[in-house]
Amino acid sequence: MISPAVRLRPARPDDAEPVAQLHARSWRLHYRGAYSDAYLDGDVVADRLAVWSARLAEAGPGAETFVAEDDGGLVGFVHVVFDHDERWGSLVDNLHVAQERRRGGVGALLLTRAAEAVAERAAGRGLYLWVQEQNTAARGFYRAMGGAQVETVAIAPPGGVPEWLNGSPRKLQMAWEDVKSCEARVS
C-alpha cells in the first residue's frame, strides 16, 4: 500500500529539473533495446529538461502535470492533456514512478489523479496512453487498472532521428472508455 508520506500536488515550473531527471532515468531503464544506447547514454536529461521546462512554464487549461513526492523528494509524476483526441479522449502523455517506489501504489495514485482531473475538466470521458510493447510491467499495470489494448503502432524515433531506434519497436495504445472505470480500480 501507499506510504502515508506520499503527497500529490500540481507541478510547478521549479519541478522541471527533478521531473526531467526521473523521466530520463525511467527511459534509460525501460526503453533500452527500443532506443539506441547512443541516444539513452547521451544527454537525455537535457532533452527532457527542455521539454519539461517548456511544459511547466506554459501551464494552461489544456493540460496538467501532477507530482508525487515524499520527504525525500519526487517519486513520480503524470502529465495529462485534456480532450487530446476526438475518439479516445484525454491523453496521459507521461506517467513515471521512481524504480525504488514501483509496486507501492504510487502509479495507481497518479493515474487515478489524472482520471479525476479528466472527470473535472475535460469535455469527454475517455482516457488513453501509449506504452512501449517491451515494457511488460507497465502493460500489466495498465491492464490491472482497467485499460484495454486498442491499437499497436511503430514507435517514432526520438527527435526524429532514425538511428536512435533499434529495429522496429512498437507501442500499444491502452484506453479507458470512461475515466470512472479507471478510478474504480483503486478506490
Protein backbone atom coordinates (compact mmCIF):
# COMPACT_ATOMS: atom_id res chain seq x y z
CA MET A 1 0.00 0.00 0.00
CA ILE A 2 0.99 3.65 -0.37
CA SER A 3 3.06 5.18 2.38
CA PRO A 4 1.13 7.98 4.09
CA ALA A 5 4.13 10.20 3.37
CA VAL A 6 3.36 10.28 -0.39
CA ARG A 7 1.69 13.55 -1.39
CA LEU A 8 0.27 14.64 -4.73
CA ARG A 9 0.21 18.20 -5.98
CA PRO A 10 0.12 20.10 -9.26
CA ALA A 11 3.60 20.55 -10.72
CA ARG A 12 5.26 23.96 -10.70
CA PRO A 13 7.92 25.39 -13.02
CA ASP A 14 10.62 24.66 -10.42
CA ASP A 15 9.75 20.93 -10.68
CA ALA A 16 11.15 20.78 -14.25
CA GLU A 17 14.59 19.53 -13.22
CA PRO A 18 13.53 16.70 -10.88
CA VAL A 19 10.81 15.63 -13.33
CA ALA A 20 13.36 15.60 -16.19
CA GLN A 21 15.82 13.59 -14.07
CA LEU A 22 13.19 10.97 -13.22
CA HIS A 23 11.95 10.88 -16.83
CA ALA A 24 15.49 10.27 -18.14
CA ARG A 25 16.19 7.55 -15.52
CA SER A 26 12.94 5.83 -16.44
CA TRP A 27 13.73 5.92 -20.17
CA ARG A 28 17.25 4.59 -19.57
CA LEU A 29 15.85 1.70 -17.56
CA HIS A 30 12.73 0.79 -19.55
CA TYR A 31 13.45 1.90 -23.13
CA ARG A 32 16.84 0.20 -23.51
CA GLY A 33 16.61 -2.08 -26.52
CA ALA A 34 13.99 0.05 -28.28
CA TYR A 35 16.03 3.26 -28.21
CA SER A 36 19.72 3.06 -29.08
CA ASP A 37 22.34 3.05 -26.35
CA ALA A 38 23.93 6.07 -28.02
CA TYR A 39 20.73 8.04 -27.50
CA LEU A 40 20.00 6.79 -23.96
CA ASP A 41 23.61 7.20 -22.81
CA GLY A 42 23.74 10.68 -24.32
CA ASP A 43 22.31 13.83 -22.81
CA VAL A 44 18.73 12.61 -22.40
CA VAL A 45 18.43 14.73 -19.25
CA ALA A 46 19.00 17.95 -21.23
CA ASP A 47 16.42 16.84 -23.79
CA ARG A 48 13.85 16.06 -21.10
CA LEU A 49 14.70 19.27 -19.19
CA ALA A 50 13.93 21.34 -22.29
CA VAL A 51 10.58 19.56 -22.68
CA TRP A 52 9.58 19.87 -19.01
CA SER A 53 10.80 23.45 -18.60
CA ALA A 54 8.57 24.48 -21.52
CA ARG A 55 5.58 22.42 -20.38
CA LEU A 56 5.66 23.62 -16.79
CA ALA A 57 6.35 27.26 -17.68
CA GLU A 58 3.40 27.35 -20.09
CA ALA A 59 0.87 25.56 -17.92
CA GLY A 60 -2.64 26.26 -19.12
CA PRO A 61 -6.14 24.83 -19.03
CA GLY A 62 -5.44 22.21 -21.72
CA ALA A 63 -3.05 20.07 -19.68
CA GLU A 64 -1.84 19.40 -16.17
CA THR A 65 1.10 17.68 -14.55
CA PHE A 66 0.88 16.20 -11.06
CA VAL A 67 3.87 15.15 -8.99
CA ALA A 68 4.05 12.57 -6.22
CA GLU A 69 6.58 13.31 -3.52
CA ASP A 70 7.63 12.15 -0.11
CA ASP A 71 10.04 13.60 2.41
CA GLY A 72 12.92 12.53 0.15
CA GLY A 73 11.62 14.37 -2.92
CA LEU A 74 9.93 13.46 -6.19
CA VAL A 75 8.86 9.80 -6.53
CA GLY A 76 6.62 10.04 -9.61
CA PHE A 77 4.68 12.24 -11.99
CA VAL A 78 1.86 12.14 -14.51
CA HIS A 79 1.05 14.56 -17.35
CA VAL A 80 -2.44 14.61 -18.85
CA VAL A 81 -3.58 16.51 -21.96
CA PHE A 82 -7.34 17.13 -21.83
CA ASP A 83 -9.53 16.24 -24.83
CA HIS A 84 -6.48 15.38 -26.92
CA ASP A 85 -8.25 13.01 -29.32
CA GLU A 86 -11.83 13.14 -30.58
CA ARG A 87 -12.21 9.36 -30.41
CA TRP A 88 -10.13 8.41 -27.36
CA GLY A 89 -10.37 11.49 -25.15
CA SER A 90 -7.64 12.79 -22.87
CA LEU A 91 -4.05 11.62 -23.20
CA VAL A 92 -1.83 10.51 -20.34
CA ASP A 93 1.31 11.68 -22.08
CA ASN A 94 3.68 10.54 -19.33
CA LEU A 95 3.44 8.52 -16.15
CA HIS A 96 6.71 7.60 -14.46
CA VAL A 97 7.48 6.30 -10.97
CA ALA A 98 10.93 6.05 -9.40
CA GLN A 99 12.17 2.46 -9.68
CA GLU A 100 12.53 2.06 -5.91
CA ARG A 101 8.89 3.14 -5.41
CA ARG A 102 7.31 0.92 -8.08
CA ARG A 103 4.70 -1.61 -6.98
CA GLY A 104 3.87 0.52 -3.95
CA GLY A 105 0.73 2.27 -5.20
CA VAL A 106 2.32 5.49 -6.46
CA GLY A 107 1.45 4.75 -10.10
CA ALA A 108 -2.17 3.94 -9.18
CA LEU A 109 -2.39 7.15 -7.17
CA LEU A 110 -1.07 9.19 -10.12
CA LEU A 111 -3.27 7.51 -12.74
CA THR A 112 -6.30 7.96 -10.50
CA ARG A 113 -5.48 11.66 -10.07
CA ALA A 114 -5.20 12.02 -13.85
CA ALA A 115 -8.60 10.32 -14.25
CA GLU A 116 -10.11 12.64 -11.63
CA ALA A 117 -8.70 15.67 -13.44
CA VAL A 118 -10.25 14.44 -16.70
CA ALA A 119 -13.61 13.98 -14.96
CA GLU A 120 -13.35 17.52 -13.55
CA ARG A 121 -12.02 19.41 -16.58
CA ALA A 122 -12.41 17.54 -19.88
CA ALA A 123 -15.42 17.56 -22.17
CA GLY A 124 -15.01 13.85 -22.96
CA ARG A 125 -14.88 10.90 -20.55
CA GLY A 126 -12.25 8.78 -22.33
CA LEU A 127 -8.62 8.39 -21.30
CA TYR A 128 -5.76 6.77 -23.20
CA LEU A 129 -2.00 6.42 -23.27
CA TRP A 130 0.80 4.75 -25.22
CA VAL A 131 3.18 2.20 -23.68
CA GLN A 132 6.15 0.53 -25.29
CA GLU A 133 5.45 -3.08 -26.18
CA GLN A 134 8.63 -4.24 -24.42
CA ASN A 135 7.57 -2.60 -21.14
CA THR A 136 5.65 -5.63 -19.89
CA ALA A 137 5.44 -4.42 -16.28
CA ALA A 138 3.74 -1.17 -17.32
CA ARG A 139 1.42 -3.03 -19.67
CA GLY A 140 0.37 -5.31 -16.80
CA PHE A 141 -0.20 -2.31 -14.53
CA TYR A 142 -2.44 -0.57 -17.07
CA ARG A 143 -4.45 -3.75 -17.60
CA ALA A 144 -4.83 -4.13 -13.83
CA MET A 145 -6.12 -0.54 -13.78
CA GLY A 146 -8.82 -1.48 -16.30
CA GLY A 147 -7.13 -0.33 -19.52
CA ALA A 148 -7.80 -2.20 -22.74
CA GLN A 149 -5.26 -2.51 -25.55
CA VAL A 150 -6.85 -0.98 -28.64
CA GLU A 151 -4.02 -0.43 -31.13
CA THR A 152 -0.37 -1.26 -31.86
CA VAL A 153 1.83 1.05 -33.94
CA ALA A 154 5.52 1.63 -34.68
CA ILE A 155 7.42 3.92 -32.33
CA ALA A 156 8.60 7.15 -33.91
CA PRO A 157 12.32 7.75 -33.40
CA PRO A 158 13.18 10.17 -30.60
CA GLY A 159 13.94 13.58 -32.02
CA GLY A 160 13.00 12.24 -35.46
CA VAL A 161 16.44 10.57 -35.77
CA PRO A 162 16.02 7.02 -37.18
CA GLU A 163 19.45 5.93 -35.85
CA TRP A 164 18.16 6.41 -32.31
CA LEU A 165 15.86 3.39 -32.70
CA ASN A 166 16.87 -0.27 -32.55
CA GLY A 167 14.97 -2.21 -35.16
CA SER A 168 11.25 -1.54 -35.36
CA PRO A 169 9.93 -1.26 -31.80
CA ARG A 170 6.20 -0.87 -31.28
CA LYS A 171 3.93 0.84 -28.80
CA LEU A 172 0.49 -0.14 -27.60
CA GLN A 173 -2.44 2.17 -27.07
CA MET A 174 -4.24 1.47 -23.81
CA ALA A 175 -7.65 3.09 -23.35
CA TRP A 176 -10.44 3.58 -20.84
CA GLU A 177 -13.78 4.48 -22.43
CA ASP A 178 -14.82 6.23 -19.23
CA VAL A 179 -12.44 7.55 -16.58
CA LYS A 180 -14.70 6.12 -13.87
CA SER A 181 -13.58 2.62 -14.91
CA CYS A 182 -10.02 3.66 -14.10
CA GLU A 183 -10.84 5.34 -10.81
CA ALA A 184 -12.92 2.41 -9.60
CA ARG A 185 -9.90 0.12 -9.70
CA VAL A 186 -8.06 1.87 -6.88
CA SER A 187 -10.73 3.38 -4.65
